Structures are given as C-alpha cells and as structure tokens.
C-alpha cells in the first residue's frame, strides 16, 4: 500500500484523528484484527499498555481493567507521546478524557480505565468504547450549543459581530477627489503616498 510516496507494510493501518496520524501497527490476533478499521487511538493505547517491554513506564493494573502510568517522564524519553502527537503529559491526559478514559478514584498513581470496555485480553470491546466516547462528545457539544443559545436569548451573552462598511460608487468617487485631487490645477499630490496612487481611477 502506497501513501504519499511511502510504502506502508502489510499489517499496518493508518488512522485519521489527531492522536493517530502515524501508521499504527495492528497485531494480527483475535479481537484486534476485528477492529483494524476503527479509529486507532484506543487500539494504540491498548497495544502500548499490553507491551511487556514498557511495563516500567506504563502497564496494566492488578485488576486488568485499567492501566497505570508509572513513569511519566519516560513517555517522552521513549517517544511514546509522539505516537499520539501530544507535546506534553497534560495534552495526553486531555486526549484520554476525550476518548472515554477516566481517572481511577482512590488510586495513588496515574491510573486510567473504563467501567466496561477496557479489559486485558478483550480488545474487541474497544469498538464499543469508541462508539460510546463518540456519542458522549456529541451530547456534550449539543449541550454547550443549547446553553449558549439560551444565554444569548436571555441577554447574558453578547455576540460580537464585526461591523460592515458599505460605500456606494458616488461616495467612493467623492472620497477619491478629496484625497487625490488638489484644489489647484497642480497634478502633484500632497504626499508621496497620494502621488503613488495617482494612476488609480474610480
């Protein structure tokens, strides 16, 4: 498969969202193969958490229904955040929230998960998690739009609009004469700027 002059090996898929513009390797195993065509953020998180070589940085929690970021600094040194086009930890945490991950209450670590669909050994559930996150984003967007419309209706929010300037042809000619035509018969404009535009005619 070729993309912009680059060849993508078989076994890779290309995502289209902010956090997954890079080619993301998809493991050919039951579950992940079934969701190879879905948006890749959830798949990428699952693969990183499930990678034993990264256990000192990020890994599954004891209950296998959440993950723990053990060493936030290594997210940078190991270039993990680059996979999601995130520049800092705060941006990465915002992305997690956007895609439906929640901070586990009571944990003393940076622990995140989902109440149903982020489970070790069950990557096929990620499709449901993605759908739920998309629906929640749509609901929040609709609620914000409704709240803003009500605020504007009640007068508590002022909508700023740029003023429109309309000049008819007669007014334009009059202004041209005021600027460029001197009261005397001299053809020399008053300023260098005016002289520069002497060739213009309206």
N, C-alpha and C. Protein backbone atom coordinates (compact mmCIF):
# COMPACT_ATOMS: atom_id res chain seq x y z
N UNK A 1 0.85 -1.20 0.00
CA UNK A 1 0.00 0.00 0.00
C UNK A 1 0.88 1.24 0.00
N UNK A 2 0.63 2.18 -0.92
CA UNK A 2 1.46 3.38 -1.03
C UNK A 2 0.68 4.59 -0.57
N UNK A 3 1.34 5.49 0.12
CA UNK A 3 0.70 6.70 0.62
C UNK A 3 1.72 7.82 0.58
N UNK A 4 1.47 8.83 -0.32
CA UNK A 4 2.36 9.97 -0.46
C UNK A 4 3.80 9.55 -0.69
N UNK A 5 3.98 8.55 -1.53
CA UNK A 5 5.33 8.13 -1.87
C UNK A 5 5.95 7.17 -0.89
N UNK A 6 5.24 6.89 0.21
CA UNK A 6 5.76 5.97 1.22
C UNK A 6 5.00 4.66 1.13
N UNK A 7 5.66 3.57 1.41
CA UNK A 7 5.04 2.26 1.38
C UNK A 7 4.70 1.84 2.80
N UNK A 8 3.45 1.50 3.01
CA UNK A 8 3.00 1.02 4.32
C UNK A 8 2.99 -0.49 4.29
N UNK A 9 3.78 -1.16 5.15
CA UNK A 9 3.82 -2.62 5.13
C UNK A 9 2.47 -3.22 5.49
N UNK A 10 2.22 -4.44 5.00
CA UNK A 10 1.01 -5.16 5.37
C UNK A 10 1.04 -5.41 6.87
N UNK A 11 -0.11 -5.21 7.52
CA UNK A 11 -0.14 -5.36 8.97
C UNK A 11 -0.16 -4.03 9.67
N UNK A 12 -0.13 -2.93 8.89
CA UNK A 12 -0.22 -1.60 9.46
C UNK A 12 -1.50 -0.96 8.95
N UNK A 13 -2.08 -0.09 9.76
CA UNK A 13 -3.24 0.69 9.31
C UNK A 13 -2.97 2.14 9.63
N UNK A 14 -3.63 3.02 8.89
CA UNK A 14 -3.39 4.44 9.06
C UNK A 14 -4.61 5.08 9.68
N UNK A 15 -4.45 5.79 10.80
CA UNK A 15 -5.55 6.48 11.46
C UNK A 15 -5.73 7.87 10.90
N UNK A 16 -6.83 8.55 11.26
CA UNK A 16 -7.14 9.85 10.66
C UNK A 16 -7.41 10.92 11.70
N UNK A 17 -7.21 10.65 12.98
CA UNK A 17 -7.54 11.62 14.00
C UNK A 17 -6.28 12.25 14.56
N UNK A 18 -6.46 13.25 15.41
CA UNK A 18 -5.35 14.00 15.97
C UNK A 18 -4.31 13.09 16.60
N UNK A 19 -4.74 12.12 17.40
CA UNK A 19 -3.80 11.32 18.15
C UNK A 19 -3.24 10.14 17.40
N UNK A 20 -3.55 9.98 16.09
CA UNK A 20 -3.13 8.77 15.41
C UNK A 20 -2.87 8.97 13.94
N UNK A 21 -2.18 10.06 13.58
CA UNK A 21 -1.89 10.33 12.19
C UNK A 21 -0.76 9.46 11.68
N UNK A 22 -0.02 8.86 12.59
CA UNK A 22 1.07 7.98 12.17
C UNK A 22 0.52 6.59 11.86
N UNK A 23 1.28 5.83 11.08
CA UNK A 23 0.90 4.45 10.83
C UNK A 23 0.98 3.69 12.14
N UNK A 24 -0.10 2.99 12.49
CA UNK A 24 -0.15 2.29 13.77
C UNK A 24 -0.14 0.79 13.52
N UNK A 25 0.83 0.07 14.06
CA UNK A 25 0.86 -1.37 13.84
C UNK A 25 -0.31 -2.06 14.52
N UNK A 26 -0.98 -2.95 13.82
CA UNK A 26 -2.12 -3.67 14.37
C UNK A 26 -1.75 -5.13 14.49
N UNK A 27 -1.76 -5.66 15.68
CA UNK A 27 -1.42 -7.05 15.90
C UNK A 27 -2.49 -7.95 15.28
N UNK A 28 -2.05 -8.96 14.57
CA UNK A 28 -2.98 -9.88 13.94
C UNK A 28 -3.37 -10.97 14.93
N UNK A 29 -4.21 -10.62 15.87
CA UNK A 29 -4.70 -11.58 16.83
C UNK A 29 -6.20 -11.38 16.97
N UNK A 30 -6.86 -12.32 17.53
CA UNK A 30 -8.31 -12.24 17.68
C UNK A 30 -8.68 -10.99 18.45
N UNK A 31 -9.63 -10.25 17.98
CA UNK A 31 -10.04 -9.01 18.64
C UNK A 31 -9.46 -7.82 17.94
N UNK A 32 -8.16 -7.68 17.97
CA UNK A 32 -7.53 -6.53 17.31
C UNK A 32 -7.69 -6.61 15.80
N UNK A 33 -7.67 -7.82 15.25
CA UNK A 33 -7.87 -7.95 13.81
C UNK A 33 -9.28 -7.54 13.43
N UNK A 34 -10.23 -7.80 14.31
CA UNK A 34 -11.62 -7.47 14.02
C UNK A 34 -11.88 -5.97 14.03
N UNK A 35 -11.02 -5.21 14.72
CA UNK A 35 -11.25 -3.76 14.83
C UNK A 35 -10.17 -2.98 14.11
N UNK A 36 -9.49 -3.62 13.16
CA UNK A 36 -8.38 -2.97 12.46
C UNK A 36 -8.81 -1.72 11.73
N UNK A 37 -10.08 -1.65 11.34
CA UNK A 37 -10.53 -0.49 10.58
C UNK A 37 -11.06 0.65 11.43
N UNK A 38 -11.13 0.48 12.72
CA UNK A 38 -11.69 1.52 13.57
C UNK A 38 -10.66 2.62 13.84
N UNK A 39 -11.12 3.72 14.43
CA UNK A 39 -10.21 4.79 14.82
C UNK A 39 -9.16 4.23 15.76
N UNK A 40 -7.92 4.65 15.60
CA UNK A 40 -6.80 3.92 16.18
C UNK A 40 -6.36 4.35 17.58
N UNK A 41 -6.91 5.41 18.16
CA UNK A 41 -6.42 5.86 19.46
C UNK A 41 -6.55 4.76 20.50
N UNK A 42 -7.73 4.15 20.61
CA UNK A 42 -7.95 3.11 21.61
C UNK A 42 -7.06 1.90 21.36
N UNK A 43 -6.88 1.54 20.08
CA UNK A 43 -6.03 0.41 19.74
C UNK A 43 -4.58 0.69 20.14
N UNK A 44 -4.12 1.92 19.87
CA UNK A 44 -2.74 2.28 20.20
C UNK A 44 -2.52 2.24 21.71
N UNK A 45 -3.47 2.75 22.48
CA UNK A 45 -3.36 2.70 23.95
C UNK A 45 -3.29 1.25 24.42
N UNK A 46 -4.16 0.42 23.88
CA UNK A 46 -4.17 -0.99 24.27
C UNK A 46 -2.83 -1.65 23.98
N UNK A 47 -2.29 -1.42 22.80
CA UNK A 47 -1.03 -2.05 22.42
C UNK A 47 0.13 -1.60 23.30
N UNK A 48 0.16 -0.29 23.62
CA UNK A 48 1.24 0.23 24.46
C UNK A 48 1.15 -0.36 25.87
N UNK A 49 -0.07 -0.39 26.42
CA UNK A 49 -0.26 -0.94 27.77
C UNK A 49 0.06 -2.43 27.79
N UNK A 50 -0.22 -3.11 26.69
CA UNK A 50 -0.05 -4.57 26.63
C UNK A 50 1.37 -4.97 26.24
N UNK A 51 2.24 -4.00 26.01
CA UNK A 51 3.62 -4.28 25.61
C UNK A 51 4.49 -4.53 26.84
N UNK A 52 4.97 -5.74 27.05
CA UNK A 52 5.78 -6.05 28.24
C UNK A 52 7.05 -5.21 28.36
N UNK A 53 7.61 -4.79 27.22
CA UNK A 53 8.85 -4.02 27.26
C UNK A 53 8.66 -2.62 27.84
N UNK A 54 7.40 -2.19 27.98
CA UNK A 54 7.11 -0.86 28.52
C UNK A 54 6.52 -0.91 29.93
N UNK A 55 6.59 -2.08 30.57
CA UNK A 55 5.96 -2.24 31.88
C UNK A 55 6.50 -1.29 32.94
N UNK A 56 7.75 -0.86 32.81
CA UNK A 56 8.31 0.06 33.80
C UNK A 56 7.78 1.49 33.60
N UNK A 57 7.20 1.71 32.45
CA UNK A 57 6.66 3.04 32.13
C UNK A 57 5.15 3.07 32.24
N UNK A 58 4.50 2.10 31.62
CA UNK A 58 3.04 2.02 31.59
C UNK A 58 2.64 0.56 31.48
N UNK A 59 1.65 0.15 32.26
CA UNK A 59 1.27 -1.27 32.25
C UNK A 59 -0.15 -1.43 32.78
N UNK A 60 -0.65 -2.65 32.66
CA UNK A 60 -1.96 -2.97 33.22
C UNK A 60 -1.92 -2.88 34.74
N UNK A 61 -3.06 -2.55 35.30
CA UNK A 61 -3.17 -2.57 36.76
C UNK A 61 -3.40 -4.01 37.22
N UNK A 62 -3.49 -4.21 38.51
CA UNK A 62 -3.65 -5.56 39.06
C UNK A 62 -4.96 -6.20 38.64
N UNK A 63 -6.02 -5.38 38.49
CA UNK A 63 -7.32 -5.97 38.13
C UNK A 63 -7.51 -6.14 36.62
N UNK A 64 -6.50 -5.73 35.84
CA UNK A 64 -6.52 -5.89 34.38
C UNK A 64 -7.68 -5.15 33.70
N UNK A 65 -8.19 -4.12 34.37
CA UNK A 65 -9.28 -3.33 33.79
C UNK A 65 -8.93 -1.84 33.72
N UNK A 66 -7.68 -1.55 33.91
CA UNK A 66 -7.18 -0.18 33.84
C UNK A 66 -5.67 -0.24 33.62
N UNK A 67 -5.06 0.91 33.43
CA UNK A 67 -3.61 0.94 33.26
C UNK A 67 -3.01 2.05 34.12
N UNK A 68 -1.73 1.89 34.44
CA UNK A 68 -1.03 2.81 35.32
C UNK A 68 0.17 3.40 34.58
N UNK A 69 0.30 4.73 34.65
CA UNK A 69 1.49 5.39 34.13
C UNK A 69 2.49 5.48 35.28
N UNK A 70 3.49 4.61 35.27
CA UNK A 70 4.44 4.53 36.38
C UNK A 70 5.51 5.61 36.30
N UNK A 71 5.91 5.94 35.11
CA UNK A 71 6.99 6.92 34.93
C UNK A 71 6.62 7.89 33.80
N UNK A 72 5.96 8.99 34.14
CA UNK A 72 5.53 9.95 33.11
C UNK A 72 6.67 10.49 32.26
N UNK A 73 7.85 10.67 32.88
CA UNK A 73 8.99 11.22 32.13
C UNK A 73 9.40 10.32 30.97
N UNK A 74 9.27 9.01 31.16
CA UNK A 74 9.66 8.08 30.11
C UNK A 74 8.70 8.09 28.93
N UNK A 75 7.52 8.68 29.12
CA UNK A 75 6.62 8.84 27.99
C UNK A 75 7.26 9.72 26.93
N UNK A 76 8.16 10.62 27.39
CA UNK A 76 8.88 11.49 26.47
C UNK A 76 10.17 10.83 25.97
N UNK A 77 10.95 10.29 26.90
CA UNK A 77 12.24 9.72 26.52
C UNK A 77 12.10 8.53 25.59
N UNK A 78 11.02 7.79 25.74
CA UNK A 78 10.77 6.64 24.87
C UNK A 78 9.88 7.01 23.68
N UNK A 79 9.59 8.30 23.57
CA UNK A 79 8.83 8.85 22.44
C UNK A 79 7.45 8.21 22.28
N UNK A 80 6.85 7.84 23.41
CA UNK A 80 5.51 7.25 23.37
C UNK A 80 4.47 8.31 23.01
N UNK A 81 4.62 9.51 23.55
CA UNK A 81 3.63 10.55 23.29
C UNK A 81 3.63 11.00 21.83
N UNK A 82 4.76 10.83 21.15
CA UNK A 82 4.81 11.22 19.73
C UNK A 82 3.83 10.41 18.90
N UNK A 83 3.55 9.22 19.36
CA UNK A 83 2.60 8.37 18.64
C UNK A 83 1.21 8.99 18.61
N UNK A 84 0.93 9.83 19.61
CA UNK A 84 -0.39 10.47 19.70
C UNK A 84 -0.32 11.96 19.37
N UNK A 85 0.83 12.41 18.86
CA UNK A 85 1.04 13.81 18.53
C UNK A 85 0.75 14.72 19.73
N UNK A 86 1.16 14.28 20.90
CA UNK A 86 1.00 15.06 22.12
C UNK A 86 2.35 15.65 22.52
N UNK A 87 2.35 16.93 22.89
CA UNK A 87 3.60 17.62 23.23
C UNK A 87 3.94 17.52 24.70
N UNK A 88 2.96 17.23 25.54
CA UNK A 88 3.21 17.16 26.97
C UNK A 88 2.21 16.22 27.62
N UNK A 89 2.44 15.94 28.90
CA UNK A 89 1.58 15.00 29.62
C UNK A 89 0.16 15.52 29.75
N UNK A 90 0.01 16.82 29.99
CA UNK A 90 -1.32 17.41 30.13
C UNK A 90 -2.16 17.20 28.88
N UNK A 91 -1.56 17.37 27.73
CA UNK A 91 -2.28 17.17 26.46
C UNK A 91 -2.67 15.71 26.29
N UNK A 92 -1.78 14.81 26.69
CA UNK A 92 -2.08 13.38 26.60
C UNK A 92 -3.25 13.01 27.51
N UNK A 93 -3.27 13.55 28.72
CA UNK A 93 -4.36 13.26 29.65
C UNK A 93 -5.68 13.82 29.12
N UNK A 94 -5.61 14.96 28.45
CA UNK A 94 -6.82 15.53 27.84
C UNK A 94 -7.35 14.61 26.74
N UNK A 95 -6.43 14.05 25.95
CA UNK A 95 -6.82 13.11 24.90
C UNK A 95 -7.47 11.87 25.50
N UNK A 96 -6.93 11.38 26.61
CA UNK A 96 -7.52 10.21 27.27
C UNK A 96 -8.96 10.50 27.67
N UNK A 97 -9.19 11.67 28.23
CA UNK A 97 -10.54 12.05 28.63
C UNK A 97 -11.47 12.16 27.41
N UNK A 98 -10.95 12.73 26.33
CA UNK A 98 -11.74 12.89 25.11
C UNK A 98 -12.19 11.55 24.56
N UNK A 99 -11.35 10.54 24.67
CA UNK A 99 -11.66 9.23 24.11
C UNK A 99 -12.28 8.27 25.13
N UNK A 100 -12.75 8.78 26.25
CA UNK A 100 -13.56 7.98 27.15
C UNK A 100 -12.85 7.34 28.32
N UNK A 101 -11.55 7.59 28.48
CA UNK A 101 -10.84 7.05 29.65
C UNK A 101 -11.09 7.96 30.85
N UNK A 102 -11.19 7.36 32.03
CA UNK A 102 -11.42 8.13 33.25
C UNK A 102 -10.34 7.84 34.27
N UNK A 103 -10.05 8.81 35.10
CA UNK A 103 -9.06 8.63 36.17
C UNK A 103 -9.68 7.77 37.26
N UNK A 104 -8.96 6.76 37.69
CA UNK A 104 -9.48 5.84 38.71
C UNK A 104 -9.40 6.52 40.08
N UNK A 105 -10.55 6.69 40.70
CA UNK A 105 -10.61 7.36 42.00
C UNK A 105 -9.98 6.48 43.09
N UNK A 106 -9.27 7.12 43.99
CA UNK A 106 -8.66 6.42 45.10
C UNK A 106 -7.28 5.86 44.81
N UNK A 107 -6.86 5.88 43.54
CA UNK A 107 -5.54 5.36 43.20
C UNK A 107 -4.49 6.43 43.48
N UNK A 108 -3.35 6.00 44.02
CA UNK A 108 -2.27 6.94 44.30
C UNK A 108 -1.36 7.15 43.09
N UNK A 109 -1.68 6.47 42.00
CA UNK A 109 -0.90 6.59 40.78
C UNK A 109 -1.74 7.25 39.68
N UNK A 110 -1.09 7.53 38.57
CA UNK A 110 -1.81 7.99 37.38
C UNK A 110 -2.44 6.77 36.73
N UNK A 111 -3.64 6.44 37.17
CA UNK A 111 -4.32 5.22 36.73
C UNK A 111 -5.60 5.59 35.97
N UNK A 112 -5.78 4.98 34.81
CA UNK A 112 -6.92 5.30 33.97
C UNK A 112 -7.55 4.01 33.44
N UNK A 113 -8.83 4.08 33.17
CA UNK A 113 -9.52 2.91 32.64
C UNK A 113 -10.90 3.28 32.14
N UNK A 114 -11.72 2.25 32.00
CA UNK A 114 -13.11 2.43 31.58
C UNK A 114 -13.96 1.44 32.36
N UNK A 115 -15.16 1.82 32.67
CA UNK A 115 -16.01 0.99 33.54
C UNK A 115 -16.36 -0.36 32.92
N UNK A 116 -16.33 -0.46 31.56
CA UNK A 116 -16.73 -1.71 30.93
C UNK A 116 -15.79 -2.22 29.85
N UNK A 117 -15.29 -1.33 29.01
CA UNK A 117 -14.76 -1.76 27.73
C UNK A 117 -13.25 -1.74 27.57
N UNK A 118 -12.49 -1.44 28.60
CA UNK A 118 -11.04 -1.53 28.50
C UNK A 118 -10.58 -2.65 29.42
N UNK A 119 -10.45 -3.85 28.84
CA UNK A 119 -10.17 -5.05 29.62
C UNK A 119 -9.04 -5.83 28.95
N UNK A 120 -8.12 -6.27 29.75
CA UNK A 120 -6.98 -7.04 29.23
C UNK A 120 -7.47 -8.34 28.59
N UNK A 121 -6.98 -8.64 27.40
CA UNK A 121 -7.36 -9.87 26.72
C UNK A 121 -8.66 -9.77 25.94
N UNK A 122 -9.32 -8.59 25.97
CA UNK A 122 -10.58 -8.42 25.25
C UNK A 122 -10.56 -7.13 24.41
N UNK A 123 -9.64 -7.03 23.46
CA UNK A 123 -9.54 -5.82 22.65
C UNK A 123 -10.76 -5.57 21.77
N UNK A 124 -11.57 -6.63 21.54
CA UNK A 124 -12.76 -6.44 20.71
C UNK A 124 -13.76 -5.48 21.35
N UNK A 125 -13.65 -5.27 22.67
CA UNK A 125 -14.55 -4.34 23.36
C UNK A 125 -14.24 -2.88 23.04
N UNK A 126 -13.07 -2.62 22.48
CA UNK A 126 -12.67 -1.24 22.20
C UNK A 126 -13.60 -0.56 21.21
N UNK A 127 -14.21 -1.34 20.32
CA UNK A 127 -15.14 -0.75 19.36
C UNK A 127 -16.34 -0.13 20.07
N UNK A 128 -16.83 -0.80 21.12
CA UNK A 128 -17.94 -0.26 21.89
C UNK A 128 -17.51 0.98 22.68
N UNK A 129 -16.27 0.95 23.17
CA UNK A 129 -15.75 2.10 23.89
C UNK A 129 -15.63 3.31 22.98
N UNK A 130 -15.17 3.08 21.77
CA UNK A 130 -15.05 4.17 20.80
C UNK A 130 -16.41 4.76 20.48
N UNK A 131 -17.42 3.90 20.27
CA UNK A 131 -18.77 4.38 19.95
C UNK A 131 -19.35 5.18 21.10
N UNK A 132 -19.15 4.69 22.32
CA UNK A 132 -19.66 5.39 23.50
C UNK A 132 -19.01 6.76 23.64
N UNK A 133 -17.69 6.83 23.42
CA UNK A 133 -16.97 8.11 23.53
C UNK A 133 -17.46 9.10 22.48
N UNK A 134 -17.71 8.61 21.27
CA UNK A 134 -18.20 9.48 20.20
C UNK A 134 -19.58 10.04 20.54
N UNK A 135 -20.45 9.20 21.07
CA UNK A 135 -21.80 9.64 21.45
C UNK A 135 -21.73 10.67 22.57
N UNK A 136 -20.85 10.46 23.55
CA UNK A 136 -20.71 11.41 24.65
C UNK A 136 -20.20 12.76 24.16
N UNK A 137 -19.26 12.75 23.22
CA UNK A 137 -18.77 14.02 22.67
C UNK A 137 -19.87 14.77 21.94
N UNK A 138 -20.71 14.04 21.21
CA UNK A 138 -21.83 14.67 20.51
C UNK A 138 -22.83 15.28 21.48
N UNK A 139 -23.10 14.56 22.57
CA UNK A 139 -24.04 15.07 23.57
C UNK A 139 -23.50 16.34 24.24
N UNK A 140 -22.22 16.31 24.60
CA UNK A 140 -21.61 17.49 25.24
C UNK A 140 -21.62 18.69 24.30
N UNK A 141 -21.34 18.45 23.03
CA UNK A 141 -21.35 19.53 22.06
C UNK A 141 -22.74 20.13 21.91
N UNK A 142 -23.76 19.26 21.87
CA UNK A 142 -25.15 19.73 21.76
C UNK A 142 -25.57 20.50 23.01
N UNK A 143 -25.12 20.05 24.17
CA UNK A 143 -25.46 20.74 25.43
C UNK A 143 -24.83 22.13 25.48
N UNK A 144 -23.56 22.23 25.03
CA UNK A 144 -22.90 23.54 25.02
C UNK A 144 -23.59 24.50 24.06
N UNK A 145 -23.99 23.98 22.89
CA UNK A 145 -24.67 24.82 21.91
C UNK A 145 -26.02 25.30 22.43
N UNK A 146 -26.74 24.41 23.12
CA UNK A 146 -28.04 24.77 23.67
C UNK A 146 -27.89 25.80 24.78
N UNK A 147 -26.89 25.61 25.64
CA UNK A 147 -26.66 26.55 26.75
C UNK A 147 -26.28 27.92 26.22
N UNK A 148 -25.47 27.95 25.19
CA UNK A 148 -25.07 29.24 24.61
C UNK A 148 -26.26 29.94 23.95
N UNK A 149 -27.09 29.17 23.26
CA UNK A 149 -28.27 29.76 22.61
C UNK A 149 -29.22 30.35 23.64
N UNK A 150 -29.40 29.65 24.76
CA UNK A 150 -30.28 30.15 25.82
C UNK A 150 -29.69 31.40 26.46
N UNK A 151 -28.35 31.41 26.64
CA UNK A 151 -27.70 32.57 27.24
C UNK A 151 -27.83 33.79 26.34
N UNK A 152 -27.68 33.59 25.03
CA UNK A 152 -27.83 34.69 24.08
C UNK A 152 -29.27 35.21 24.07
N UNK A 153 -30.22 34.28 24.17
CA UNK A 153 -31.63 34.66 24.18
C UNK A 153 -31.97 35.49 25.41
N UNK A 154 -31.37 35.14 26.55
CA UNK A 154 -31.63 35.85 27.81
C UNK A 154 -30.82 37.13 27.94
N UNK A 155 -29.90 37.35 27.00
CA UNK A 155 -29.11 38.57 27.03
C UNK A 155 -27.90 38.52 27.93
N UNK A 156 -27.59 37.34 28.48
CA UNK A 156 -26.44 37.24 29.38
C UNK A 156 -25.13 37.09 28.61
N UNK A 157 -25.22 36.80 27.32
CA UNK A 157 -24.04 36.69 26.47
C UNK A 157 -24.23 37.59 25.27
N UNK A 158 -23.25 38.41 25.03
CA UNK A 158 -23.31 39.32 23.89
C UNK A 158 -22.50 38.75 22.74
N UNK A 159 -23.14 38.60 21.61
CA UNK A 159 -22.47 38.09 20.43
C UNK A 159 -21.84 39.25 19.68
N UNK A 160 -20.52 39.22 19.58
CA UNK A 160 -19.81 40.29 18.90
C UNK A 160 -19.72 40.01 17.41
N UNK A 161 -20.14 40.96 16.64
CA UNK A 161 -20.06 40.84 15.19
C UNK A 161 -19.27 42.02 14.63
N UNK A 162 -18.46 41.75 13.64
CA UNK A 162 -17.67 42.81 13.02
C UNK A 162 -18.59 43.74 12.23
N UNK A 163 -18.41 45.05 12.38
CA UNK A 163 -19.26 45.99 11.64
C UNK A 163 -19.00 45.90 10.14
N UNK A 164 -20.06 46.05 9.37
CA UNK A 164 -19.95 46.02 7.92
C UNK A 164 -19.88 47.45 7.38
N UNK A 165 -18.96 47.71 6.49
CA UNK A 165 -18.78 49.03 5.91
C UNK A 165 -19.22 48.98 4.45
N UNK A 166 -20.24 49.75 4.12
CA UNK A 166 -20.77 49.76 2.77
C UNK A 166 -20.59 51.16 2.19
N UNK A 167 -19.93 51.25 1.06
CA UNK A 167 -19.70 52.54 0.40
C UNK A 167 -20.22 52.43 -1.03
N UNK A 168 -21.11 53.34 -1.41
CA UNK A 168 -21.60 53.31 -2.78
C UNK A 168 -20.62 54.00 -3.72
N UNK A 169 -20.89 53.90 -5.02
CA UNK A 169 -19.94 54.40 -6.02
C UNK A 169 -19.77 55.92 -5.94
N UNK A 170 -20.86 56.67 -5.72
CA UNK A 170 -20.77 58.12 -5.66
C UNK A 170 -19.91 58.57 -4.48
N UNK A 171 -20.09 57.92 -3.35
CA UNK A 171 -19.30 58.27 -2.15
C UNK A 171 -17.83 57.94 -2.37
N UNK A 172 -17.57 56.84 -3.07
CA UNK A 172 -16.19 56.45 -3.35
C UNK A 172 -15.50 57.48 -4.24
N UNK A 173 -16.22 57.98 -5.27
CA UNK A 173 -15.64 58.99 -6.14
C UNK A 173 -15.36 60.28 -5.39
N UNK A 174 -16.28 60.64 -4.49
CA UNK A 174 -16.10 61.86 -3.71
C UNK A 174 -14.88 61.76 -2.81
N UNK A 175 -14.71 60.61 -2.18
CA UNK A 175 -13.56 60.43 -1.31
C UNK A 175 -12.26 60.43 -2.12
N UNK A 176 -12.31 59.86 -3.31
CA UNK A 176 -11.13 59.87 -4.17
C UNK A 176 -10.71 61.30 -4.51
N UNK A 177 -11.69 62.13 -4.85
CA UNK A 177 -11.39 63.52 -5.19
C UNK A 177 -10.83 64.28 -4.00
N UNK A 178 -11.41 64.00 -2.80
CA UNK A 178 -10.93 64.68 -1.60
C UNK A 178 -9.47 64.33 -1.30
N UNK A 179 -9.10 63.11 -1.58
CA UNK A 179 -7.75 62.66 -1.23
C UNK A 179 -6.74 63.00 -2.30
N UNK A 180 -7.10 62.71 -3.56
CA UNK A 180 -6.10 62.75 -4.61
C UNK A 180 -6.11 63.99 -5.49
N UNK A 181 -7.21 64.72 -5.50
CA UNK A 181 -7.29 65.88 -6.37
C UNK A 181 -7.18 67.15 -5.54
N UNK A 182 -6.16 67.93 -5.78
CA UNK A 182 -5.97 69.17 -5.05
C UNK A 182 -6.91 70.25 -5.59
N UNK A 183 -7.11 71.28 -4.83
CA UNK A 183 -7.99 72.36 -5.24
C UNK A 183 -7.38 73.20 -6.35
N UNK A 184 -6.06 73.13 -6.50
CA UNK A 184 -5.37 73.88 -7.55
C UNK A 184 -5.28 73.05 -8.81
N UNK A 185 -4.73 73.60 -9.85
CA UNK A 185 -4.60 72.89 -11.11
C UNK A 185 -3.37 72.01 -11.14
N UNK A 186 -2.57 71.99 -10.05
CA UNK A 186 -1.35 71.19 -9.99
C UNK A 186 -1.69 69.72 -10.02
N UNK A 187 -0.90 68.94 -10.70
CA UNK A 187 -1.10 67.48 -10.79
C UNK A 187 -0.27 66.73 -9.77
N UNK A 188 0.45 67.48 -8.92
CA UNK A 188 1.30 66.83 -7.91
C UNK A 188 0.48 66.60 -6.66
N UNK A 189 0.46 65.37 -6.18
CA UNK A 189 -0.29 65.06 -4.97
C UNK A 189 0.40 65.65 -3.76
N UNK A 190 -0.34 65.72 -2.64
CA UNK A 190 0.16 66.36 -1.43
C UNK A 190 1.24 65.52 -0.75
N UNK A 191 1.13 64.22 -0.80
CA UNK A 191 2.07 63.34 -0.10
C UNK A 191 2.60 62.30 -1.07
N UNK A 192 3.75 61.67 -0.74
CA UNK A 192 4.29 60.59 -1.59
C UNK A 192 3.30 59.45 -1.77
N UNK A 193 2.55 59.14 -0.70
CA UNK A 193 1.59 58.05 -0.78
C UNK A 193 0.48 58.38 -1.76
N UNK A 194 -0.01 59.61 -1.69
CA UNK A 194 -1.05 60.02 -2.63
C UNK A 194 -0.52 60.02 -4.06
N UNK A 195 0.69 60.48 -4.24
CA UNK A 195 1.29 60.52 -5.57
C UNK A 195 1.45 59.12 -6.16
N UNK A 196 1.70 58.15 -5.28
CA UNK A 196 1.87 56.77 -5.71
C UNK A 196 0.59 56.21 -6.33
N UNK A 197 -0.56 56.67 -5.83
CA UNK A 197 -1.84 56.16 -6.30
C UNK A 197 -2.56 57.11 -7.24
N UNK A 198 -1.83 58.03 -7.83
CA UNK A 198 -2.45 58.99 -8.74
C UNK A 198 -3.03 58.32 -9.99
N UNK A 199 -2.48 57.15 -10.37
CA UNK A 199 -2.93 56.50 -11.58
C UNK A 199 -4.29 55.82 -11.42
N UNK A 200 -4.74 55.68 -10.19
CA UNK A 200 -6.00 55.00 -9.95
C UNK A 200 -7.17 55.85 -10.41
N UNK A 201 -8.19 55.21 -10.92
CA UNK A 201 -9.42 55.90 -11.31
C UNK A 201 -10.61 55.08 -10.85
N UNK A 202 -11.61 55.73 -10.36
CA UNK A 202 -12.81 55.03 -9.87
C UNK A 202 -13.98 55.36 -10.79
